[in-house]
Amino acid sequence: MCHAKPWMKLIDERILEHLRENGDVFPMEISVDLSMNASTSRVRERCWVLANADFLEPYEKQVAHDRYATKFALSDRGRSYLDDGVNAELIRPLPSPRPPHATRPSVWAGF
């Protein structure tokens, strides 16, 4: 079952299916469970793309005394997509902000 659309990758489909089968998880858990060679950072990146398209719902979960991490849940739109009720070609994820390592410090920009 590969619905992959231009902005979607095969890994996105696998992430959605994993969430449907296992419930809410951290990206690290998905990368360990998927049999494709996907790093945790790659899975986290794709989870945010899916969240920007409203296929996933991110939320903060306390993992230690004062530490939190983002967990992802399958949204209604994500479930509908897996059941062939949503056409991903008609959905465009919002552009994500530049990562900190790719942003010039304000000193360079003249601010």
N, C-alpha and C. Protein backbone atom coordinates (compact mmCIF):
# COMPACT_ATOMS: atom_id res chain seq x y z
N MET A 1 0.84 -1.17 0.00
CA MET A 1 0.00 0.00 0.00
C MET A 1 0.89 1.23 0.00
N CYS A 2 1.14 1.79 -1.13
CA CYS A 2 2.01 2.96 -1.21
C CYS A 2 1.25 4.11 -1.87
N HIS A 3 0.83 5.07 -1.05
CA HIS A 3 0.11 6.23 -1.54
C HIS A 3 1.07 7.39 -1.78
N ALA A 4 2.36 7.15 -1.71
CA ALA A 4 3.35 8.22 -1.67
C ALA A 4 3.07 9.32 -2.71
N LYS A 5 2.97 10.53 -2.22
CA LYS A 5 2.73 11.71 -3.04
C LYS A 5 4.01 12.51 -3.12
N PRO A 6 4.05 13.56 -3.95
CA PRO A 6 5.30 14.30 -4.13
C PRO A 6 5.98 14.75 -2.83
N TRP A 7 5.23 15.25 -1.87
CA TRP A 7 5.87 15.69 -0.64
C TRP A 7 6.05 14.56 0.35
N MET A 8 5.35 13.47 0.13
CA MET A 8 5.44 12.34 1.04
C MET A 8 6.51 11.36 0.59
N LYS A 9 7.11 10.72 1.56
CA LYS A 9 8.14 9.72 1.32
C LYS A 9 7.62 8.37 1.81
N LEU A 10 8.28 7.30 1.42
CA LEU A 10 7.90 5.97 1.88
C LEU A 10 7.97 5.90 3.41
N ILE A 11 8.94 6.55 4.00
CA ILE A 11 9.08 6.54 5.45
C ILE A 11 7.85 7.15 6.12
N ASP A 12 7.22 8.14 5.50
CA ASP A 12 6.02 8.77 6.07
C ASP A 12 4.90 7.75 6.20
N GLU A 13 4.73 6.97 5.17
CA GLU A 13 3.71 5.92 5.16
C GLU A 13 3.99 4.91 6.28
N ARG A 14 5.25 4.55 6.44
CA ARG A 14 5.63 3.59 7.48
C ARG A 14 5.40 4.17 8.88
N ILE A 15 5.69 5.46 9.05
CA ILE A 15 5.48 6.12 10.34
C ILE A 15 3.99 6.12 10.69
N LEU A 16 3.14 6.48 9.72
CA LEU A 16 1.70 6.49 9.97
C LEU A 16 1.18 5.11 10.33
N GLU A 17 1.62 4.09 9.61
CA GLU A 17 1.19 2.73 9.90
C GLU A 17 1.68 2.28 11.27
N HIS A 18 2.90 2.65 11.62
CA HIS A 18 3.46 2.29 12.93
C HIS A 18 2.63 2.92 14.05
N LEU A 19 2.25 4.17 13.88
CA LEU A 19 1.44 4.83 14.90
C LEU A 19 0.05 4.21 15.02
N ARG A 20 -0.52 3.81 13.91
CA ARG A 20 -1.84 3.17 13.96
C ARG A 20 -1.76 1.85 14.72
N GLU A 21 -0.68 1.11 14.51
CA GLU A 21 -0.54 -0.20 15.16
C GLU A 21 -0.12 -0.10 16.61
N ASN A 22 0.70 0.91 16.97
CA ASN A 22 1.32 0.96 18.29
C ASN A 22 0.89 2.11 19.18
N GLY A 23 0.11 3.04 18.66
CA GLY A 23 -0.29 4.19 19.47
C GLY A 23 0.79 5.26 19.52
N ASP A 24 0.64 6.19 20.45
CA ASP A 24 1.56 7.32 20.57
C ASP A 24 2.98 6.85 20.89
N VAL A 25 3.95 7.41 20.19
CA VAL A 25 5.35 7.03 20.42
C VAL A 25 6.29 8.21 20.20
N PHE A 26 7.50 8.04 20.68
CA PHE A 26 8.58 8.99 20.43
C PHE A 26 9.24 8.61 19.11
N PRO A 27 9.84 9.57 18.39
CA PRO A 27 10.55 9.24 17.15
C PRO A 27 11.62 8.16 17.32
N MET A 28 12.30 8.16 18.47
CA MET A 28 13.33 7.15 18.70
C MET A 28 12.74 5.74 18.67
N GLU A 29 11.55 5.58 19.24
CA GLU A 29 10.91 4.27 19.25
C GLU A 29 10.54 3.83 17.83
N ILE A 30 10.12 4.77 17.02
CA ILE A 30 9.77 4.45 15.63
C ILE A 30 11.02 4.02 14.87
N SER A 31 12.11 4.77 15.03
CA SER A 31 13.34 4.44 14.28
C SER A 31 13.89 3.08 14.69
N VAL A 32 13.71 2.69 15.95
CA VAL A 32 14.17 1.37 16.40
C VAL A 32 13.28 0.28 15.82
N ASP A 33 11.98 0.52 15.76
CA ASP A 33 11.04 -0.49 15.30
C ASP A 33 10.98 -0.65 13.78
N LEU A 34 11.23 0.44 13.04
CA LEU A 34 11.18 0.33 11.58
C LEU A 34 12.38 -0.47 11.08
N SER A 35 12.15 -1.31 10.11
CA SER A 35 13.25 -2.13 9.60
C SER A 35 14.04 -1.44 8.50
N MET A 36 13.70 -0.18 8.20
CA MET A 36 14.49 0.56 7.23
C MET A 36 15.57 1.32 7.99
N ASN A 37 16.64 1.64 7.34
CA ASN A 37 17.75 2.32 7.99
C ASN A 37 17.45 3.80 8.14
N ALA A 38 16.57 4.13 9.07
CA ALA A 38 16.19 5.51 9.30
C ALA A 38 16.68 5.93 10.68
N SER A 39 17.46 7.00 10.71
CA SER A 39 17.96 7.50 11.99
C SER A 39 16.84 8.17 12.76
N THR A 40 17.07 8.34 14.05
CA THR A 40 16.08 9.03 14.88
C THR A 40 15.84 10.44 14.39
N SER A 41 16.90 11.13 13.97
CA SER A 41 16.72 12.51 13.49
C SER A 41 15.91 12.55 12.21
N ARG A 42 16.09 11.56 11.33
CA ARG A 42 15.30 11.50 10.09
C ARG A 42 13.83 11.24 10.41
N VAL A 43 13.57 10.32 11.32
CA VAL A 43 12.19 10.02 11.70
C VAL A 43 11.56 11.25 12.36
N ARG A 44 12.30 11.93 13.23
CA ARG A 44 11.78 13.14 13.89
C ARG A 44 11.45 14.20 12.85
N GLU A 45 12.33 14.39 11.87
CA GLU A 45 12.09 15.37 10.80
C GLU A 45 10.81 15.05 10.04
N ARG A 46 10.64 13.80 9.66
CA ARG A 46 9.45 13.41 8.90
C ARG A 46 8.18 13.49 9.77
N CYS A 47 8.30 13.22 11.07
CA CYS A 47 7.15 13.37 11.97
C CYS A 47 6.69 14.83 12.00
N TRP A 48 7.63 15.77 12.01
CA TRP A 48 7.25 17.18 12.01
C TRP A 48 6.62 17.59 10.69
N VAL A 49 7.10 17.03 9.58
CA VAL A 49 6.47 17.31 8.28
C VAL A 49 5.03 16.80 8.30
N LEU A 50 4.84 15.59 8.81
CA LEU A 50 3.49 15.02 8.90
C LEU A 50 2.62 15.82 9.87
N ALA A 51 3.20 16.32 10.94
CA ALA A 51 2.44 17.15 11.89
C ALA A 51 2.04 18.47 11.23
N ASN A 52 2.92 19.06 10.43
CA ASN A 52 2.58 20.31 9.73
C ASN A 52 1.47 20.11 8.71
N ALA A 53 1.30 18.88 8.23
CA ALA A 53 0.21 18.56 7.30
C ALA A 53 -1.02 18.03 8.04
N ASP A 54 -0.99 18.07 9.37
CA ASP A 54 -2.08 17.62 10.24
C ASP A 54 -2.35 16.12 10.16
N PHE A 55 -1.33 15.34 9.82
CA PHE A 55 -1.47 13.89 9.85
C PHE A 55 -1.10 13.34 11.23
N LEU A 56 -0.28 14.09 11.98
CA LEU A 56 0.11 13.72 13.33
C LEU A 56 -0.16 14.87 14.28
N GLU A 57 -0.32 14.54 15.55
CA GLU A 57 -0.50 15.54 16.59
C GLU A 57 0.65 15.43 17.59
N PRO A 58 1.55 16.42 17.62
CA PRO A 58 2.65 16.37 18.58
C PRO A 58 2.22 16.89 19.95
N TYR A 59 2.80 16.34 20.99
CA TYR A 59 2.57 16.86 22.33
C TYR A 59 3.79 16.54 23.19
N GLU A 60 3.97 17.35 24.22
CA GLU A 60 5.12 17.19 25.11
C GLU A 60 4.81 16.16 26.19
N LYS A 61 5.77 15.30 26.44
CA LYS A 61 5.63 14.26 27.47
C LYS A 61 6.83 14.36 28.40
N GLN A 62 6.59 14.36 29.70
CA GLN A 62 7.68 14.44 30.66
C GLN A 62 8.42 13.11 30.67
N VAL A 63 9.75 13.16 30.46
CA VAL A 63 10.55 11.94 30.43
C VAL A 63 11.48 11.83 31.64
N ALA A 64 11.70 12.92 32.32
CA ALA A 64 12.50 12.94 33.53
C ALA A 64 11.97 14.08 34.40
N HIS A 65 12.62 14.30 35.52
CA HIS A 65 12.14 15.29 36.49
C HIS A 65 11.78 16.63 35.83
N ASP A 66 12.69 17.22 35.10
CA ASP A 66 12.42 18.52 34.45
C ASP A 66 12.70 18.48 32.95
N ARG A 67 12.63 17.31 32.37
CA ARG A 67 12.90 17.16 30.93
C ARG A 67 11.66 16.64 30.21
N TYR A 68 11.45 17.21 29.03
CA TYR A 68 10.30 16.84 28.22
C TYR A 68 10.78 16.45 26.82
N ALA A 69 10.03 15.61 26.16
CA ALA A 69 10.32 15.23 24.78
C ALA A 69 8.98 15.20 24.03
N THR A 70 9.07 15.35 22.72
CA THR A 70 7.86 15.37 21.91
C THR A 70 7.45 13.96 21.51
N LYS A 71 6.21 13.66 21.79
CA LYS A 71 5.61 12.40 21.38
C LYS A 71 4.62 12.71 20.27
N PHE A 72 4.37 11.77 19.40
CA PHE A 72 3.45 11.99 18.28
C PHE A 72 2.29 11.00 18.33
N ALA A 73 1.11 11.51 18.01
CA ALA A 73 -0.10 10.70 17.95
C ALA A 73 -0.69 10.83 16.55
N LEU A 74 -1.35 9.80 16.10
CA LEU A 74 -2.01 9.81 14.80
C LEU A 74 -3.28 10.66 14.91
N SER A 75 -3.43 11.62 14.01
CA SER A 75 -4.61 12.49 14.03
C SER A 75 -5.74 11.83 13.23
N ASP A 76 -6.90 12.46 13.28
CA ASP A 76 -8.04 11.95 12.50
C ASP A 76 -7.72 11.98 11.01
N ARG A 77 -7.04 13.04 10.57
CA ARG A 77 -6.67 13.13 9.15
C ARG A 77 -5.69 12.02 8.78
N GLY A 78 -4.76 11.69 9.68
CA GLY A 78 -3.82 10.60 9.43
C GLY A 78 -4.52 9.26 9.32
N ARG A 79 -5.48 9.01 10.21
CA ARG A 79 -6.26 7.77 10.14
C ARG A 79 -7.05 7.71 8.84
N SER A 80 -7.66 8.83 8.49
CA SER A 80 -8.44 8.88 7.26
C SER A 80 -7.56 8.65 6.03
N TYR A 81 -6.35 9.18 6.05
CA TYR A 81 -5.42 8.95 4.95
C TYR A 81 -5.11 7.47 4.81
N LEU A 82 -4.83 6.80 5.92
CA LEU A 82 -4.51 5.38 5.87
C LEU A 82 -5.70 4.55 5.39
N ASP A 83 -6.91 5.04 5.62
CA ASP A 83 -8.12 4.36 5.16
C ASP A 83 -8.56 4.83 3.78
N ASP A 84 -7.68 5.53 3.07
CA ASP A 84 -7.93 6.06 1.72
C ASP A 84 -9.04 7.10 1.67
N GLY A 85 -9.22 7.84 2.76
CA GLY A 85 -10.24 8.87 2.79
C GLY A 85 -9.71 10.27 2.55
N VAL A 86 -8.39 10.43 2.51
CA VAL A 86 -7.78 11.74 2.31
C VAL A 86 -6.78 11.65 1.16
N ASN A 87 -6.84 12.61 0.27
CA ASN A 87 -5.91 12.67 -0.85
C ASN A 87 -4.75 13.60 -0.45
N ALA A 88 -3.57 13.04 -0.25
CA ALA A 88 -2.42 13.83 0.20
C ALA A 88 -1.94 14.81 -0.86
N GLU A 89 -2.30 14.61 -2.12
CA GLU A 89 -1.91 15.56 -3.16
C GLU A 89 -2.54 16.93 -2.94
N LEU A 90 -3.67 16.96 -2.25
CA LEU A 90 -4.37 18.22 -2.03
C LEU A 90 -3.92 18.93 -0.76
N ILE A 91 -3.00 18.31 -0.02
CA ILE A 91 -2.52 18.87 1.24
C ILE A 91 -1.06 19.27 1.08
N ARG A 92 -0.75 20.46 1.53
CA ARG A 92 0.63 20.93 1.50
C ARG A 92 1.07 21.25 2.93
N PRO A 93 2.09 20.57 3.42
CA PRO A 93 2.56 20.89 4.77
C PRO A 93 3.12 22.31 4.81
N LEU A 94 2.93 22.98 5.92
CA LEU A 94 3.49 24.32 6.08
C LEU A 94 5.01 24.24 6.06
N PRO A 95 5.66 25.25 5.52
CA PRO A 95 7.12 25.19 5.55
C PRO A 95 7.61 25.27 6.99
N SER A 96 8.63 24.52 7.27
CA SER A 96 9.16 24.53 8.63
C SER A 96 10.24 25.61 8.75
N PRO A 97 10.45 26.09 9.96
CA PRO A 97 11.49 27.10 10.15
C PRO A 97 12.86 26.50 9.91
N ARG A 98 13.81 27.35 9.59
CA ARG A 98 15.17 26.87 9.39
C ARG A 98 15.72 26.32 10.70
N PRO A 99 16.48 25.24 10.63
CA PRO A 99 17.09 24.72 11.85
C PRO A 99 18.15 25.69 12.35
N PRO A 100 18.44 25.69 13.66
CA PRO A 100 19.38 26.65 14.23
C PRO A 100 20.75 26.64 13.54
N HIS A 101 21.23 25.48 13.11
CA HIS A 101 22.55 25.42 12.49
C HIS A 101 22.57 26.04 11.09
N ALA A 102 21.39 26.30 10.51
CA ALA A 102 21.32 26.88 9.16
C ALA A 102 20.91 28.35 9.18
N THR A 103 20.81 28.93 10.36
CA THR A 103 20.38 30.32 10.50
C THR A 103 21.58 31.18 10.87
N ARG A 104 21.72 32.30 10.17
CA ARG A 104 22.83 33.19 10.47
C ARG A 104 22.58 33.92 11.79
N PRO A 105 23.63 34.10 12.60
CA PRO A 105 23.46 34.89 13.81
C PRO A 105 23.06 36.32 13.45
N SER A 106 22.37 36.99 14.35
CA SER A 106 21.90 38.35 14.07
C SER A 106 23.06 39.30 13.81
N VAL A 107 24.24 39.01 14.34
CA VAL A 107 25.41 39.86 14.09
C VAL A 107 25.75 39.88 12.60
N TRP A 108 25.65 38.71 11.96
CA TRP A 108 25.95 38.63 10.52
C TRP A 108 24.91 39.34 9.70
N ALA A 109 23.67 39.30 10.15
CA ALA A 109 22.57 39.88 9.39
C ALA A 109 22.47 41.39 9.58
N GLY A 110 23.24 41.92 10.53
CA GLY A 110 23.24 43.37 10.74
C GLY A 110 22.14 43.86 11.64
N PHE A 111 21.54 43.01 12.44
CA PHE A 111 20.47 43.44 13.34
C PHE A 111 21.04 44.00 14.62
